[in-house]
């Protein structure tokens, strides 16, 4: 490729003020999870609000509330099949977040895009990219020559709809939310609820489920279906039990005391970093087809106002709602 010709062509782009397009490529399902699309949508929202042309390409299967979020966010176009989109290598920036798109896929070939940004974690394929973003807490990633890496708490993309902080004055009795993340493939919520049912503590708990009536509850519990009103539901809680997923980071940033479980392998880094940074309290892991919970820690979280205050304060100090905007600025600068 003639580098001088490419540089000249790129400069013409800016001279003629050609409008960049930002294409987000990710999928979601109960098996894949909701995290890829959730964190991508938080970044996409910044581009949409800034008035750019923003496309979403991907399949969302079996997660109605997430489909509703994508449909109503304001994308220029939503395309399910990537074969129905023709990239323009002079003005299209691809932001990809996937575990399953083949690294040799023609769709993500570098010659088809002006720039490529990869949202990655420890199990992501090593896609060719001009920039990569880790949307979690860890910042210990090997450098790749010529590729800028954004990572650490400053670059955690959190949805703007969660920006209103939780009430710092706790309820009496304690209000507990139990949610297994955007999808709950290993039934974290149900299994933890069975543990809490055996406790004698007074509290009011709400279990968020995909399907109701899976467990017999006592008067301390209610259950509701996961839906697009999730952001409204979480406002009045003092303590949340969830998995070490995108949801855990969002809830911690909102100012809720969080107890986390590790449901799948790709949550292990989140699980350990949340503990290491004292942003959440680890309560158990899913191993060999069953959950192993740390009951004394769960009880301490319920009984200790001091512990809840500590993790809440640490999270508010470490996480803000500017991560998605910082990523937006970096991607914009990538094309200048």
C-alpha atoms as a PDB file:
ATOM      1  CA  UNK A   1       0.000   0.000   0.000  1.00  0.00           C
ATOM      2  CA  UNK A   2       1.296   3.493  -0.857  1.00  0.00           C
ATOM      3  CA  UNK A   3       1.465   5.261   2.511  1.00  0.00           C
ATOM      4  CA  UNK A   4       1.831   8.725   0.957  1.00  0.00           C
ATOM      5  CA  UNK A   5      -1.259   8.154  -1.174  1.00  0.00           C
ATOM      6  CA  UNK A   6      -3.194   6.979   1.902  1.00  0.00           C
ATOM      7  CA  UNK A   7      -2.134  10.051   3.873  1.00  0.00           C
ATOM      8  CA  UNK A   8      -3.120  12.320   0.988  1.00  0.00           C
ATOM      9  CA  UNK A   9      -6.496  10.589   0.644  1.00  0.00           C
ATOM     10  CA  UNK A  10      -7.100  10.877   4.364  1.00  0.00           C
ATOM     11  CA  UNK A  11      -6.268  14.588   4.321  1.00  0.00           C
ATOM     12  CA  UNK A  12      -8.766  15.095   1.519  1.00  0.00           C
ATOM     13  CA  UNK A  13     -11.363  13.551   3.775  1.00  0.00           C
ATOM     14  CA  UNK A  14     -10.966  16.304   6.308  1.00  0.00           C
ATOM     15  CA  UNK A  15     -10.610  19.049   3.739  1.00  0.00           C
ATOM     16  CA  UNK A  16     -14.016  18.130   2.363  1.00  0.00           C
ATOM     17  CA  UNK A  17     -15.406  17.557   5.859  1.00  0.00           C
ATOM     18  CA  UNK A  18     -16.745  14.090   5.088  1.00  0.00           C
ATOM     19  CA  UNK A  19     -18.970  12.856   7.913  1.00  0.00           C
ATOM     20  CA  UNK A  20     -17.470   9.939   9.804  1.00  0.00           C
ATOM     21  CA  UNK A  21     -19.685   6.947  10.564  1.00  0.00           C
ATOM     22  CA  UNK A  22     -19.291   4.844  13.697  1.00  0.00           C
ATOM     23  CA  UNK A  23     -20.323   1.198  13.442  1.00  0.00           C
ATOM     24  CA  UNK A  24     -20.807  -0.872  16.595  1.00  0.00           C
ATOM     25  CA  UNK A  25     -20.651  -4.644  16.087  1.00  0.00           C
ATOM     26  CA  UNK A  26     -21.740  -6.944  18.920  1.00  0.00           C
ATOM     27  CA  UNK A  27     -24.247  -9.678  19.742  1.00  0.00           C
ATOM     28  CA  UNK A  28     -26.247 -10.776  22.780  1.00  0.00           C
ATOM     29  CA  UNK A  29     -28.202 -13.845  23.871  1.00  0.00           C
ATOM     30  CA  UNK A  30     -28.760 -15.776  27.104  1.00  0.00           C
ATOM     31  CA  UNK A  31     -25.676 -17.851  26.240  1.00  0.00           C
ATOM     32  CA  UNK A  32     -23.424 -15.001  25.020  1.00  0.00           C
ATOM     33  CA  UNK A  33     -24.664 -12.642  27.728  1.00  0.00           C
ATOM     34  CA  UNK A  34     -25.720  -9.004  27.530  1.00  0.00           C
ATOM     35  CA  UNK A  35     -22.401  -7.362  28.434  1.00  0.00           C
ATOM     36  CA  UNK A  36     -20.980  -6.919  24.920  1.00  0.00           C
ATOM     37  CA  UNK A  37     -24.016  -4.964  23.766  1.00  0.00           C
ATOM     38  CA  UNK A  38     -24.499  -3.117  27.067  1.00  0.00           C
ATOM     39  CA  UNK A  39     -21.012  -1.641  27.217  1.00  0.00           C
ATOM     40  CA  UNK A  40     -21.004  -0.935  23.473  1.00  0.00           C
ATOM     41  CA  UNK A  41     -24.304   0.902  23.813  1.00  0.00           C
ATOM     42  CA  UNK A  42     -22.909   3.120  26.591  1.00  0.00           C
ATOM     43  CA  UNK A  43     -20.147   4.255  24.206  1.00  0.00           C
ATOM     44  CA  UNK A  44     -22.515   4.503  21.228  1.00  0.00           C
ATOM     45  CA  UNK A  45     -24.753   6.803  23.259  1.00  0.00           C
ATOM     46  CA  UNK A  46     -21.942   9.372  23.379  1.00  0.00           C
ATOM     47  CA  UNK A  47     -21.646   9.399  19.583  1.00  0.00           C
ATOM     48  CA  UNK A  48     -25.421   9.561  19.145  1.00  0.00           C
ATOM     49  CA  UNK A  49     -25.719  12.498  21.553  1.00  0.00           C
ATOM     50  CA  UNK A  50     -22.931  14.300  19.675  1.00  0.00           C
ATOM     51  CA  UNK A  51     -24.921  14.058  16.440  1.00  0.00           C
ATOM     52  CA  UNK A  52     -22.803  11.492  14.570  1.00  0.00           C
ATOM     53  CA  UNK A  53     -24.054   8.779  12.250  1.00  0.00           C
ATOM     54  CA  UNK A  54     -24.025   5.647  14.406  1.00  0.00           C
ATOM     55  CA  UNK A  55     -24.913   2.133  13.279  1.00  0.00           C
ATOM     56  CA  UNK A  56     -25.537  -0.997  15.334  1.00  0.00           C
ATOM     57  CA  UNK A  57     -24.859  -4.349  13.685  1.00  0.00           C
ATOM     58  CA  UNK A  58     -25.623  -7.586  15.492  1.00  0.00           C
ATOM     59  CA  UNK A  59     -28.190 -10.078  16.717  1.00  0.00           C
ATOM     60  CA  UNK A  60     -29.933  -9.753  20.075  1.00  0.00           C
ATOM     61  CA  UNK A  61     -31.780 -12.974  20.816  1.00  0.00           C
ATOM     62  CA  UNK A  62     -33.956 -13.785  23.806  1.00  0.00           C
ATOM     63  CA  UNK A  63     -33.249 -10.557  25.759  1.00  0.00           C
ATOM     64  CA  UNK A  64     -36.262  -8.336  25.163  1.00  0.00           C
ATOM     65  CA  UNK A  65     -35.221  -5.451  27.436  1.00  0.00           C
ATOM     66  CA  UNK A  66     -31.845  -5.164  25.680  1.00  0.00           C
ATOM     67  CA  UNK A  67     -33.481  -5.163  22.243  1.00  0.00           C
ATOM     68  CA  UNK A  68     -35.707  -2.329  23.447  1.00  0.00           C
ATOM     69  CA  UNK A  69     -32.687  -0.338  24.609  1.00  0.00           C
ATOM     70  CA  UNK A  70     -30.978  -0.644  21.226  1.00  0.00           C
ATOM     71  CA  UNK A  71     -34.170   0.139  19.322  1.00  0.00           C
ATOM     72  CA  UNK A  72     -34.789   3.339  21.282  1.00  0.00           C
ATOM     73  CA  UNK A  73     -31.243   4.659  21.760  1.00  0.00           C
ATOM     74  CA  UNK A  74     -31.199   6.652  18.527  1.00  0.00           C
ATOM     75  CA  UNK A  75     -29.001   4.685  16.110  1.00  0.00           C
ATOM     76  CA  UNK A  76     -28.958   5.887  12.518  1.00  0.00           C
ATOM     77  CA  UNK A  77     -29.637   2.307  11.480  1.00  0.00           C
ATOM     78  CA  UNK A  78     -29.873  -1.092  13.164  1.00  0.00           C
ATOM     79  CA  UNK A  79     -28.786  -4.057  11.047  1.00  0.00           C
ATOM     80  CA  UNK A  80     -29.005  -7.653  12.189  1.00  0.00           C
ATOM     81  CA  UNK A  81     -26.799  -9.291   9.545  1.00  0.00           C
ATOM     82  CA  UNK A  82     -23.365  -7.814   8.897  1.00  0.00           C
ATOM     83  CA  UNK A  83     -23.581  -8.937   5.266  1.00  0.00           C
ATOM     84  CA  UNK A  84     -26.208  -6.238   4.768  1.00  0.00           C
ATOM     85  CA  UNK A  85     -23.738  -3.441   5.542  1.00  0.00           C
ATOM     86  CA  UNK A  86     -21.069  -2.254   3.101  1.00  0.00           C
ATOM     87  CA  UNK A  87     -18.228  -0.448   4.886  1.00  0.00           C
ATOM     88  CA  UNK A  88     -16.619   2.665   3.439  1.00  0.00           C
ATOM     89  CA  UNK A  89     -12.893   2.582   4.140  1.00  0.00           C
ATOM     90  CA  UNK A  90     -12.616   6.372   3.921  1.00  0.00           C
ATOM     91  CA  UNK A  91     -15.113   7.247   6.642  1.00  0.00           C
ATOM     92  CA  UNK A  92     -16.221   4.203   8.652  1.00  0.00           C
ATOM     93  CA  UNK A  93     -14.857   3.390  12.112  1.00  0.00           C
ATOM     94  CA  UNK A  94     -15.615  -0.104  13.417  1.00  0.00           C
ATOM     95  CA  UNK A  95     -16.019  -0.659  17.164  1.00  0.00           C
ATOM     96  CA  UNK A  96     -16.171  -4.420  17.741  1.00  0.00           C
ATOM     97  CA  UNK A  97     -16.985  -6.260  20.972  1.00  0.00           C
ATOM     98  CA  UNK A  98     -17.224 -10.022  20.493  1.00  0.00           C
ATOM     99  CA  UNK A  99     -15.881 -13.408  21.491  1.00  0.00           C
ATOM    100  CA  UNK A 100     -17.260 -15.257  18.499  1.00  0.00           C
ATOM    101  CA  UNK A 101     -16.609 -13.302  15.288  1.00  0.00           C
ATOM    102  CA  UNK A 102     -13.865 -15.129  13.419  1.00  0.00           C
ATOM    103  CA  UNK A 103     -10.555 -13.304  13.508  1.00  0.00           C
ATOM    104  CA  UNK A 104     -10.251 -13.878   9.735  1.00  0.00           C
ATOM    105  CA  UNK A 105     -13.767 -12.666   8.943  1.00  0.00           C
ATOM    106  CA  UNK A 106     -13.872 -10.553   5.805  1.00  0.00           C
ATOM    107  CA  UNK A 107     -16.210  -8.126   7.555  1.00  0.00           C
ATOM    108  CA  UNK A 108     -13.468  -6.981   9.955  1.00  0.00           C
ATOM    109  CA  UNK A 109     -10.612  -6.939   7.415  1.00  0.00           C
ATOM    110  CA  UNK A 110      -8.529  -3.814   8.059  1.00  0.00           C
ATOM    111  CA  UNK A 111      -8.704  -2.756   4.390  1.00  0.00           C
ATOM    112  CA  UNK A 112     -12.460  -2.232   4.715  1.00  0.00           C
ATOM    113  CA  UNK A 113     -12.328   0.329   7.525  1.00  0.00           C
ATOM    114  CA  UNK A 114     -10.785   3.702   8.199  1.00  0.00           C
ATOM    115  CA  UNK A 115     -10.046   2.611  11.766  1.00  0.00           C
ATOM    116  CA  UNK A 116     -10.875  -0.409  13.956  1.00  0.00           C
ATOM    117  CA  UNK A 117     -11.393  -0.286  17.727  1.00  0.00           C
ATOM    118  CA  UNK A 118     -11.599  -3.526  19.724  1.00  0.00           C
ATOM    119  CA  UNK A 119     -13.336  -3.754  23.089  1.00  0.00           C
ATOM    120  CA  UNK A 120     -11.566  -6.667  24.734  1.00  0.00           C
ATOM    121  CA  UNK A 121     -10.941  -8.768  27.814  1.00  0.00           C
ATOM    122  CA  UNK A 122      -8.820 -11.815  28.590  1.00  0.00           C
ATOM    123  CA  UNK A 123     -10.843 -14.202  26.397  1.00  0.00           C
ATOM    124  CA  UNK A 124     -11.434 -11.904  23.400  1.00  0.00           C
ATOM    125  CA  UNK A 125      -9.894 -12.920  20.061  1.00  0.00           C
ATOM    126  CA  UNK A 126      -6.864 -10.840  19.129  1.00  0.00           C
ATOM    127  CA  UNK A 127      -8.547  -8.828  16.393  1.00  0.00           C
ATOM    128  CA  UNK A 128      -6.469  -6.446  14.297  1.00  0.00           C
ATOM    129  CA  UNK A 129      -7.173  -2.951  15.585  1.00  0.00           C
ATOM    130  CA  UNK A 130      -5.832   0.588  15.773  1.00  0.00           C
ATOM    131  CA  UNK A 131      -6.997   0.979  19.373  1.00  0.00           C
ATOM    132  CA  UNK A 132      -8.251  -1.420  22.009  1.00  0.00           C
ATOM    133  CA  UNK A 133     -10.328  -0.754  25.097  1.00  0.00           C
ATOM    134  CA  UNK A 134     -10.689  -2.914  28.180  1.00  0.00           C
ATOM    135  CA  UNK A 135     -14.037  -1.966  29.767  1.00  0.00           C
ATOM    136  CA  UNK A 136     -13.168  -3.285  33.224  1.00  0.00           C
ATOM    137  CA  UNK A 137     -10.866  -2.405  36.119  1.00  0.00           C
ATOM    138  CA  UNK A 138      -7.637  -4.181  35.175  1.00  0.00           C
ATOM    139  CA  UNK A 139      -4.849  -2.132  33.595  1.00  0.00           C
ATOM    140  CA  UNK A 140      -2.148  -4.823  33.372  1.00  0.00           C
ATOM    141  CA  UNK A 141      -2.224  -5.653  29.677  1.00  0.00           C
ATOM    142  CA  UNK A 142       0.693  -6.434  27.391  1.00  0.00           C
ATOM    143  CA  UNK A 143       1.476  -3.625  24.987  1.00  0.00           C
ATOM    144  CA  UNK A 144       0.927  -4.134  21.265  1.00  0.00           C
ATOM    145  CA  UNK A 145       3.238  -2.048  19.047  1.00  0.00           C
ATOM    146  CA  UNK A 146       1.310   0.677  17.241  1.00  0.00           C
ATOM    147  CA  UNK A 147      -1.924  -0.005  19.134  1.00  0.00           C
ATOM    148  CA  UNK A 148      -3.110   2.309  21.906  1.00  0.00           C
ATOM    149  CA  UNK A 149      -4.680   0.510  24.886  1.00  0.00           C
ATOM    150  CA  UNK A 150      -7.216   2.186  27.169  1.00  0.00           C
ATOM    151  CA  UNK A 151      -7.886   0.405  30.445  1.00  0.00           C
ATOM    152  CA  UNK A 152      -8.539   0.876  34.137  1.00  0.00           C
ATOM    153  CA  UNK A 153     -11.363   2.541  36.084  1.00  0.00           C
ATOM    154  CA  UNK A 154     -11.171   5.767  34.018  1.00  0.00           C
ATOM    155  CA  UNK A 155     -12.360   3.852  30.957  1.00  0.00           C
ATOM    156  CA  UNK A 156     -15.259   1.853  32.357  1.00  0.00           C
ATOM    157  CA  UNK A 157     -18.245   2.750  30.120  1.00  0.00           C
ATOM    158  CA  UNK A 158     -21.322   3.258  32.280  1.00  0.00           C
ATOM    159  CA  UNK A 159     -24.749   4.190  30.958  1.00  0.00           C
ATOM    160  CA  UNK A 160     -25.853   7.766  31.570  1.00  0.00           C
ATOM    161  CA  UNK A 161     -29.312   6.610  32.676  1.00  0.00           C
ATOM    162  CA  UNK A 162     -27.721   5.353  35.913  1.00  0.00           C
ATOM    163  CA  UNK A 163     -26.075   8.658  36.802  1.00  0.00           C
ATOM    164  CA  UNK A 164     -28.445   9.579  39.636  1.00  0.00           C
ATOM    165  CA  UNK A 165     -26.740   8.246  42.745  1.00  0.00           C
ATOM    166  CA  UNK A 166     -28.409   5.897  45.182  1.00  0.00           C
ATOM    167  CA  UNK A 167     -29.728   7.287  48.449  1.00  0.00           C
ATOM    168  CA  UNK A 168     -26.927   7.314  51.040  1.00  0.00           C
ATOM    169  CA  UNK A 169     -29.453   6.935  53.894  1.00  0.00           C
ATOM    170  CA  UNK A 170     -30.239   3.253  54.290  1.00  0.00           C
ATOM    171  CA  UNK A 171     -33.717   1.828  54.741  1.00  0.00           C
ATOM    172  CA  UNK A 172     -34.968   0.006  57.798  1.00  0.00           C
ATOM    173  CA  UNK A 173     -35.360  -2.881  57.222  1.00  0.00           C
ATOM    174  CA  UNK A 174     -32.538  -3.176  54.723  1.00  0.00           C
ATOM    175  CA  UNK A 175     -33.610  -3.300  51.080  1.00  0.00           C
ATOM    176  CA  UNK A 176     -31.735  -5.942  49.062  1.00  0.00           C
ATOM    177  CA  UNK A 177     -31.708  -6.427  45.295  1.00  0.00           C
ATOM    178  CA  UNK A 178     -30.749  -9.813  43.820  1.00  0.00           C
ATOM    179  CA  UNK A 179     -29.937  -9.855  40.099  1.00  0.00           C
ATOM    180  CA  UNK A 180     -27.806 -12.229  38.074  1.00  0.00           C
ATOM    181  CA  UNK A 181     -26.594  -9.609  35.594  1.00  0.00           C
ATOM    182  CA  UNK A 182     -28.131  -8.928  32.198  1.00  0.00           C
ATOM    183  CA  UNK A 183     -28.588 -12.671  31.769  1.00  0.00           C
ATOM    184  CA  UNK A 184     -28.355 -15.256  34.537  1.00  0.00           C
ATOM    185  CA  UNK A 185     -27.191 -18.392  32.777  1.00  0.00           C
ATOM    186  CA  UNK A 186     -26.193 -20.251  35.968  1.00  0.00           C
ATOM    187  CA  UNK A 187     -29.128 -19.104  38.137  1.00  0.00           C
ATOM    188  CA  UNK A 188     -27.118 -16.970  40.536  1.00  0.00           C
ATOM    189  CA  UNK A 189     -30.254 -15.137  41.668  1.00  0.00           C
ATOM    190  CA  UNK A 190     -32.287 -18.223  42.466  1.00  0.00           C
ATOM    191  CA  UNK A 191     -29.457 -19.991  44.264  1.00  0.00           C
ATOM    192  CA  UNK A 192     -28.550 -16.984  46.380  1.00  0.00           C
ATOM    193  CA  UNK A 193     -32.215 -16.445  47.233  1.00  0.00           C
ATOM    194  CA  UNK A 194     -32.384 -19.992  48.584  1.00  0.00           C
ATOM    195  CA  UNK A 195     -29.431 -19.112  50.858  1.00  0.00           C
ATOM    196  CA  UNK A 196     -31.087 -15.910  52.083  1.00  0.00           C
ATOM    197  CA  UNK A 197     -34.357 -17.722  52.755  1.00  0.00           C
ATOM    198  CA  UNK A 198     -32.589 -19.703  55.491  1.00  0.00           C
ATOM    199  CA  UNK A 199     -31.418 -16.575  57.330  1.00  0.00           C
ATOM    200  CA  UNK A 200     -33.346 -15.097  60.246  1.00  0.00           C
ATOM    201  CA  UNK A 201     -32.407 -11.479  59.457  1.00  0.00           C
ATOM    202  CA  UNK A 202     -35.096  -8.913  58.784  1.00  0.00           C
ATOM    203  CA  UNK A 203     -34.853  -7.349  55.323  1.00  0.00           C
ATOM    204  CA  UNK A 204     -36.903  -6.694  52.227  1.00  0.00           C
ATOM    205  CA  UNK A 205     -35.479  -8.398  49.131  1.00  0.00           C
ATOM    206  CA  UNK A 206     -36.413  -8.221  45.466  1.00  0.00           C
ATOM    207  CA  UNK A 207     -35.297 -11.002  43.130  1.00  0.00           C
ATOM    208  CA  UNK A 208     -35.104 -10.042  39.448  1.00  0.00           C
ATOM    209  CA  UNK A 209     -35.811 -13.065  37.265  1.00  0.00           C
ATOM    210  CA  UNK A 210     -36.451 -14.009  33.643  1.00  0.00           C
ATOM    211  CA  UNK A 211     -39.398 -16.220  34.649  1.00  0.00           C
ATOM    212  CA  UNK A 212     -41.374 -15.885  37.859  1.00  0.00           C
ATOM    213  CA  UNK A 213     -42.440 -18.670  40.275  1.00  0.00           C
ATOM    214  CA  UNK A 214     -39.197 -20.687  40.136  1.00  0.00           C
ATOM    215  CA  UNK A 215     -38.786 -20.579  43.914  1.00  0.00           C
ATOM    216  CA  UNK A 216     -41.151 -20.454  46.890  1.00  0.00           C
ATOM    217  CA  UNK A 217     -40.564 -17.202  48.777  1.00  0.00           C
ATOM    218  CA  UNK A 218     -41.490 -15.960  52.234  1.00  0.00           C
ATOM    219  CA  UNK A 219     -42.936 -12.529  53.079  1.00  0.00           C
ATOM    220  CA  UNK A 220     -39.496 -10.852  52.982  1.00  0.00           C
ATOM    221  CA  UNK A 221     -39.182 -11.438  49.228  1.00  0.00           C
ATOM    222  CA  UNK A 222     -40.763 -10.235  46.016  1.00  0.00           C
ATOM    223  CA  UNK A 223     -39.804 -11.204  42.493  1.00  0.00           C
ATOM    224  CA  UNK A 224     -40.109  -9.194  39.304  1.00  0.00           C
ATOM    225  CA  UNK A 225     -39.115  -9.767  35.711  1.00  0.00           C
ATOM    226  CA  UNK A 226     -35.998  -8.165  34.255  1.00  0.00           C
ATOM    227  CA  UNK A 227     -37.084  -5.416  31.888  1.00  0.00           C
ATOM    228  CA  UNK A 228     -36.331  -2.011  30.413  1.00  0.00           C
ATOM    229  CA  UNK A 229     -37.394  -0.399  33.721  1.00  0.00           C
ATOM    230  CA  UNK A 230     -34.352  -1.875  35.500  1.00  0.00           C
ATOM    231  CA  UNK A 231     -32.739   1.548  35.980  1.00  0.00           C
ATOM    232  CA  UNK A 232     -35.829   2.790  37.814  1.00  0.00           C
ATOM    233  CA  UNK A 233     -36.120  -0.348  39.946  1.00  0.00           C
ATOM    234  CA  UNK A 234     -32.616  -0.175  41.434  1.00  0.00           C
ATOM    235  CA  UNK A 235     -32.959   3.363  42.814  1.00  0.00           C
ATOM    236  CA  UNK A 236     -34.301   2.407  46.244  1.00  0.00           C
ATOM    237  CA  UNK A 237     -31.944  -0.372  47.337  1.00  0.00           C
ATOM    238  CA  UNK A 238     -29.185  -0.428  49.948  1.00  0.00           C
ATOM    239  CA  UNK A 239     -27.387  -3.661  49.007  1.00  0.00           C
ATOM    240  CA  UNK A 240     -27.147  -5.562  45.736  1.00  0.00           C
ATOM    241  CA  UNK A 241     -26.079  -9.127  45.146  1.00  0.00           C
ATOM    242  CA  UNK A 242     -25.092  -9.694  41.520  1.00  0.00           C
ATOM    243  CA  UNK A 243     -22.511 -11.385  39.302  1.00  0.00           C
ATOM    244  CA  UNK A 244     -19.094  -9.913  38.452  1.00  0.00           C
ATOM    245  CA  UNK A 245     -20.310  -8.583  35.125  1.00  0.00           C
ATOM    246  CA  UNK A 246     -20.933  -5.225  33.459  1.00  0.00           C
ATOM    247  CA  UNK A 247     -23.941  -4.912  35.785  1.00  0.00           C
ATOM    248  CA  UNK A 248     -21.749  -5.056  38.904  1.00  0.00           C
ATOM    249  CA  UNK A 249     -19.630  -2.121  37.719  1.00  0.00           C
ATOM    250  CA  UNK A 250     -22.714  -0.077  36.865  1.00  0.00           C
ATOM    251  CA  UNK A 251     -24.329  -0.701  40.244  1.00  0.00           C
ATOM    252  CA  UNK A 252     -21.122   0.059  42.145  1.00  0.00           C
ATOM    253  CA  UNK A 253     -20.706   3.326  40.235  1.00  0.00           C
ATOM    254  CA  UNK A 254     -24.271   4.251  41.153  1.00  0.00           C
ATOM    255  CA  UNK A 255     -23.338   4.129  44.826  1.00  0.00           C
ATOM    256  CA  UNK A 256     -24.820   0.804  45.871  1.00  0.00           C
ATOM    257  CA  UNK A 257     -23.038  -1.625  48.188  1.00  0.00           C
ATOM    258  CA  UNK A 258     -22.370  -4.683  46.028  1.00  0.00           C
ATOM    259  CA  UNK A 259     -21.751  -8.346  46.832  1.00  0.00           C
ATOM    260  CA  UNK A 260     -20.548 -10.262  43.773  1.00  0.00           C
ATOM    261  CA  UNK A 261     -20.488 -13.869  42.628  1.00  0.00           C
ATOM    262  CA  UNK A 262     -18.399 -15.292  39.792  1.00  0.00           C
ATOM    263  CA  UNK A 263     -20.672 -17.152  37.399  1.00  0.00           C
ATOM    264  CA  UNK A 264     -18.476 -17.844  34.348  1.00  0.00           C
ATOM    265  CA  UNK A 265     -14.790 -17.849  33.432  1.00  0.00           C
ATOM    266  CA  UNK A 266     -14.748 -14.440  31.773  1.00  0.00           C
ATOM    267  CA  UNK A 267     -15.943 -12.868  35.056  1.00  0.00           C
ATOM    268  CA  UNK A 268     -12.879 -13.989  36.994  1.00  0.00           C
ATOM    269  CA  UNK A 269     -10.854 -10.810  36.380  1.00  0.00           C
ATOM    270  CA  UNK A 270     -13.785  -8.573  37.361  1.00  0.00           C
ATOM    271  CA  UNK A 271     -14.354 -10.743  40.435  1.00  0.00           C
ATOM    272  CA  UNK A 272     -10.741 -10.515  41.622  1.00  0.00           C
ATOM    273  CA  UNK A 273     -10.281  -6.813  40.765  1.00  0.00           C
ATOM    274  CA  UNK A 274     -13.506  -5.745  42.488  1.00  0.00           C
ATOM    275  CA  UNK A 275     -12.224  -7.527  45.590  1.00  0.00           C
ATOM    276  CA  UNK A 276      -8.643  -6.265  45.280  1.00  0.00           C
ATOM    277  CA  UNK A 277      -9.811  -2.644  44.946  1.00  0.00           C
ATOM    278  CA  UNK A 278     -12.459  -3.050  47.683  1.00  0.00           C
ATOM    279  CA  UNK A 279     -15.211  -1.906  45.329  1.00  0.00           C
ATOM    280  CA  UNK A 280     -17.391  -4.952  46.045  1.00  0.00           C
ATOM    281  CA  UNK A 281     -17.401  -7.952  48.345  1.00  0.00           C
ATOM    282  CA  UNK A 282     -16.866 -11.436  46.816  1.00  0.00           C
ATOM    283  CA  UNK A 283     -19.489 -13.924  48.024  1.00  0.00           C
ATOM    284  CA  UNK A 284     -18.925 -17.094  45.978  1.00  0.00           C
ATOM    285  CA  UNK A 285     -18.255 -18.885  42.707  1.00  0.00           C
ATOM    286  CA  UNK A 286     -19.986 -21.281  40.357  1.00  0.00           C
ATOM    287  CA  UNK A 287     -17.853 -24.424  40.065  1.00  0.00           C
ATOM    288  CA  UNK A 288     -18.589 -27.916  38.739  1.00  0.00           C
ATOM    289  CA  UNK A 289     -22.270 -27.172  38.159  1.00  0.00           C
ATOM    290  CA  UNK A 290     -23.065 -25.762  41.586  1.00  0.00           C
ATOM    291  CA  UNK A 291     -22.731 -22.514  43.513  1.00  0.00           C
ATOM    292  CA  UNK A 292     -20.381 -22.312  46.491  1.00  0.00           C
ATOM    293  CA  UNK A 293     -21.329 -19.285  48.619  1.00  0.00           C
ATOM    294  CA  UNK A 294     -19.432 -17.782  51.547  1.00  0.00           C
ATOM    295  CA  UNK A 295     -22.259 -17.598  54.060  1.00  0.00           C
ATOM    296  CA  UNK A 296     -20.401 -15.668  56.819  1.00  0.00           C
ATOM    297  CA  UNK A 297     -19.500 -12.929  54.315  1.00  0.00           C
ATOM    298  CA  UNK A 298     -23.078 -12.720  53.050  1.00  0.00           C
ATOM    299  CA  UNK A 299     -24.329 -12.362  56.630  1.00  0.00           C
ATOM    300  CA  UNK A 300     -21.716  -9.688  57.361  1.00  0.00           C
ATOM    301  CA  UNK A 301     -22.815  -7.680  54.323  1.00  0.00           C
ATOM    302  CA  UNK A 302     -26.404  -7.811  55.529  1.00  0.00           C
ATOM    303  CA  UNK A 303     -25.601  -6.981  59.143  1.00  0.00           C
ATOM    304  CA  UNK A 304     -22.678  -4.532  58.859  1.00  0.00           C
ATOM    305  CA  UNK A 305     -23.583  -0.977  57.900  1.00  0.00           C
ATOM    306  CA  UNK A 306     -19.871  -0.143  58.213  1.00  0.00           C
ATOM    307  CA  UNK A 307     -18.858  -2.726  55.584  1.00  0.00           C
ATOM    308  CA  UNK A 308     -21.545  -1.547  53.176  1.00  0.00           C
ATOM    309  CA  UNK A 309     -20.495   2.072  53.638  1.00  0.00           C
ATOM    310  CA  UNK A 310     -16.838   1.188  53.022  1.00  0.00           C
ATOM    311  CA  UNK A 311     -17.362  -0.564  49.673  1.00  0.00           C
ATOM    312  CA  UNK A 312     -19.875   2.083  48.594  1.00  0.00           C
ATOM    313  CA  UNK A 313     -17.423   4.916  49.315  1.00  0.00           C
ATOM    314  CA  UNK A 314     -14.545   3.123  47.579  1.00  0.00           C
ATOM    315  CA  UNK A 315     -16.619   2.553  44.450  1.00  0.00           C
ATOM    316  CA  UNK A 316     -17.814   6.147  44.277  1.00  0.00           C
ATOM    317  CA  UNK A 317     -14.207   7.299  44.577  1.00  0.00           C
ATOM    318  CA  UNK A 318     -12.913   4.969  41.835  1.00  0.00           C
ATOM    319  CA  UNK A 319     -15.739   4.994  39.296  1.00  0.00           C
ATOM    320  CA  UNK A 320     -17.427   7.931  37.633  1.00  0.00           C
ATOM    321  CA  UNK A 321     -19.774   8.327  34.701  1.00  0.00           C
ATOM    322  CA  UNK A 322     -17.151   9.802  32.366  1.00  0.00           C
ATOM    323  CA  UNK A 323     -15.611   6.553  31.099  1.00  0.00           C
ATOM    324  CA  UNK A 324     -17.775   6.374  27.982  1.00  0.00           C
ATOM    325  CA  UNK A 325     -17.083  10.036  27.198  1.00  0.00           C
ATOM    326  CA  UNK A 326     -13.328   9.552  27.610  1.00  0.00           C
ATOM    327  CA  UNK A 327     -13.532   6.638  25.172  1.00  0.00           C
ATOM    328  CA  UNK A 328     -15.569   8.810  22.786  1.00  0.00           C
ATOM    329  CA  UNK A 329     -12.845  11.495  22.859  1.00  0.00           C
ATOM    330  CA  UNK A 330     -10.102   8.934  22.200  1.00  0.00           C
ATOM    331  CA  UNK A 331     -11.928   7.417  19.231  1.00  0.00           C
ATOM    332  CA  UNK A 332     -12.588  10.857  17.763  1.00  0.00           C
ATOM    333  CA  UNK A 333      -8.897  11.722  18.155  1.00  0.00           C
ATOM    334  CA  UNK A 334      -7.999   8.449  16.433  1.00  0.00           C
ATOM    335  CA  UNK A 335      -9.496   9.741  13.164  1.00  0.00           C
ATOM    336  CA  UNK A 336      -7.936  13.206  13.248  1.00  0.00           C
END
